[in-house]
Amino acid sequence: MAGRRLRPRATAVLIREGRVLLTRDRGQRRYALPGGGIKRGEPTISAVARELHEELRMELTQVTRLPKLDFDGMINAHKVCLVEADGEPILRRLEIEDFIWWDGREEVPLFPHVAHILSRMQKE
């Protein structure tokens, strides 16, 4: 769609022991990578740290921006970061209803950007 403006979104890929952290927003059926909107003038890395803290109470220990994996979806322009964090996610039940550590083998309903980003990540 020509001229449409995508919402910039900081998208986190957090992998532990071969499993990736996925979240499911309230009222949604499909899982996504954690993250959220980038405020005007906010660096992507700051946005991803802020969103993971606000939504899951996770403190990031390392963030690597991966612009080669960025993805323009239907609504969001996903700005991808590989992240490491201490502790387990804590649901605040504001926006996020559920999280899982996904091994990539079990069938889980995913948003298209998730499969696309993770597939491209494996090729890098």
Protein backbone atom coordinates (compact mmCIF):
# COMPACT_ATOMS: atom_id res chain seq x y z
CA MET A 1 0.00 0.00 0.00
CA ALA A 2 1.74 3.17 -1.19
CA GLY A 3 2.24 5.91 1.35
CA ARG A 4 1.19 3.91 4.39
CA ARG A 5 3.03 4.70 7.58
CA LEU A 6 4.16 1.73 9.62
CA ARG A 7 4.45 1.99 13.39
CA PRO A 8 8.10 1.52 14.47
CA ARG A 9 8.34 -1.39 16.91
CA ALA A 10 11.33 -2.61 18.92
CA THR A 11 11.24 -6.41 18.57
CA ALA A 12 13.29 -8.61 20.89
CA VAL A 13 14.70 -12.05 20.15
CA LEU A 14 15.64 -13.65 23.48
CA ILE A 15 16.97 -17.20 23.22
CA ARG A 16 17.87 -19.45 26.17
CA GLU A 17 18.91 -23.08 25.97
CA GLY A 18 17.69 -23.27 22.37
CA ARG A 19 14.26 -21.78 23.13
CA VAL A 20 12.94 -18.37 22.11
CA LEU A 21 10.71 -16.24 24.32
CA LEU A 22 7.28 -15.61 22.78
CA THR A 23 4.43 -13.55 24.19
CA ARG A 24 0.70 -13.45 23.56
CA ASP A 25 -1.19 -10.20 24.01
CA ARG A 26 -4.53 -10.10 25.76
CA GLY A 27 -7.31 -11.12 23.37
CA GLN A 28 -4.92 -12.52 20.73
CA ARG A 29 -4.65 -16.13 19.62
CA ARG A 30 -1.17 -15.89 18.07
CA TYR A 31 2.21 -15.45 19.72
CA ALA A 32 4.73 -12.70 18.92
CA LEU A 33 8.25 -11.77 19.82
CA PRO A 34 8.29 -9.44 22.83
CA GLY A 35 8.69 -5.71 22.37
CA GLY A 36 6.61 -2.68 21.62
CA GLY A 37 6.33 0.74 20.12
CA ILE A 38 9.30 3.05 19.76
CA LYS A 39 8.63 6.57 21.00
CA ARG A 40 9.56 9.52 18.76
CA GLY A 41 13.30 10.11 19.05
CA GLU A 42 13.88 7.00 21.18
CA PRO A 43 16.74 4.71 20.13
CA THR A 44 15.63 1.16 19.28
CA ILE A 45 17.88 -0.37 21.93
CA SER A 46 16.37 1.87 24.61
CA ALA A 47 12.86 1.01 23.44
CA VAL A 48 13.46 -2.74 23.58
CA ALA A 49 14.92 -2.46 27.10
CA ARG A 50 12.01 -0.27 28.25
CA GLU A 51 9.35 -2.57 26.75
CA LEU A 52 10.79 -5.76 28.24
CA HIS A 53 11.00 -4.10 31.64
CA GLU A 54 7.47 -2.65 31.47
CA GLU A 55 5.80 -5.77 30.12
CA LEU A 56 7.79 -8.62 31.67
CA ARG A 57 9.91 -7.04 34.43
CA MET A 58 13.06 -8.31 32.72
CA GLU A 59 16.34 -6.42 32.97
CA LEU A 60 18.44 -6.73 29.85
CA THR A 61 22.12 -7.57 30.27
CA GLN A 62 23.06 -7.31 26.59
CA VAL A 63 21.42 -5.95 23.44
CA THR A 64 22.64 -6.30 19.86
CA ARG A 65 20.79 -4.46 17.12
CA LEU A 66 20.22 -6.71 14.05
CA PRO A 67 19.11 -4.38 11.22
CA LYS A 68 19.49 -7.17 8.61
CA LEU A 69 16.53 -8.90 10.29
CA ASP A 70 14.20 -5.88 10.33
CA PHE A 71 10.78 -6.66 8.88
CA ASP A 72 7.95 -4.49 7.60
CA GLY A 73 4.65 -6.12 8.47
CA MET A 74 1.09 -4.98 7.91
CA ILE A 75 1.09 -2.52 10.82
CA ASN A 76 4.58 -2.48 12.33
CA ALA A 77 8.10 -1.84 11.08
CA HIS A 78 9.92 -4.36 13.29
CA LYS A 79 13.37 -3.18 14.40
CA VAL A 80 15.00 -6.39 15.61
CA CYS A 81 17.39 -6.78 18.55
CA LEU A 82 19.01 -9.91 19.94
CA VAL A 83 18.80 -9.61 23.72
CA GLU A 84 19.98 -11.34 26.86
CA ALA A 85 18.28 -10.84 30.21
CA ASP A 86 18.45 -12.07 33.77
CA GLY A 87 15.60 -13.89 35.47
CA GLU A 88 12.30 -15.19 34.24
CA PRO A 89 9.51 -13.07 32.77
CA ILE A 90 6.88 -11.88 35.24
CA LEU A 91 3.44 -11.29 33.77
CA ARG A 92 1.88 -8.04 34.86
CA ARG A 93 -1.30 -8.97 32.96
CA LEU A 94 -1.68 -5.48 31.51
CA GLU A 95 -1.08 -6.18 27.83
CA ILE A 96 0.51 -9.63 27.82
CA GLU A 97 -1.64 -12.58 28.79
CA ASP A 98 0.85 -15.42 28.32
CA PHE A 99 4.46 -16.24 27.48
CA ILE A 100 6.24 -19.42 26.46
CA TRP A 101 9.79 -20.55 25.84
CA TRP A 102 9.33 -22.08 22.38
CA ASP A 103 11.64 -24.77 21.03
CA GLY A 104 10.50 -24.32 17.42
CA ARG A 105 9.23 -27.87 17.17
CA GLU A 106 5.80 -27.82 18.77
CA GLU A 107 3.01 -26.24 16.79
CA VAL A 108 2.24 -22.77 18.11
CA PRO A 109 0.12 -20.11 16.37
CA LEU A 110 2.55 -17.35 15.36
CA PHE A 111 2.21 -13.95 13.77
CA PRO A 112 3.85 -13.97 10.32
CA HIS A 113 6.69 -11.66 11.37
CA VAL A 114 7.84 -14.15 14.01
CA ALA A 115 8.39 -17.01 11.57
CA HIS A 116 10.01 -14.64 9.08
CA ILE A 117 12.46 -13.09 11.56
CA LEU A 118 13.42 -16.41 13.17
CA SER A 119 13.87 -18.08 9.78
CA ARG A 120 16.17 -15.29 8.60
CA MET A 121 18.06 -15.41 11.88
CA GLN A 122 18.87 -19.10 11.38
CA LYS A 123 20.33 -18.29 7.97
CA GLU A 124 22.64 -15.56 9.33
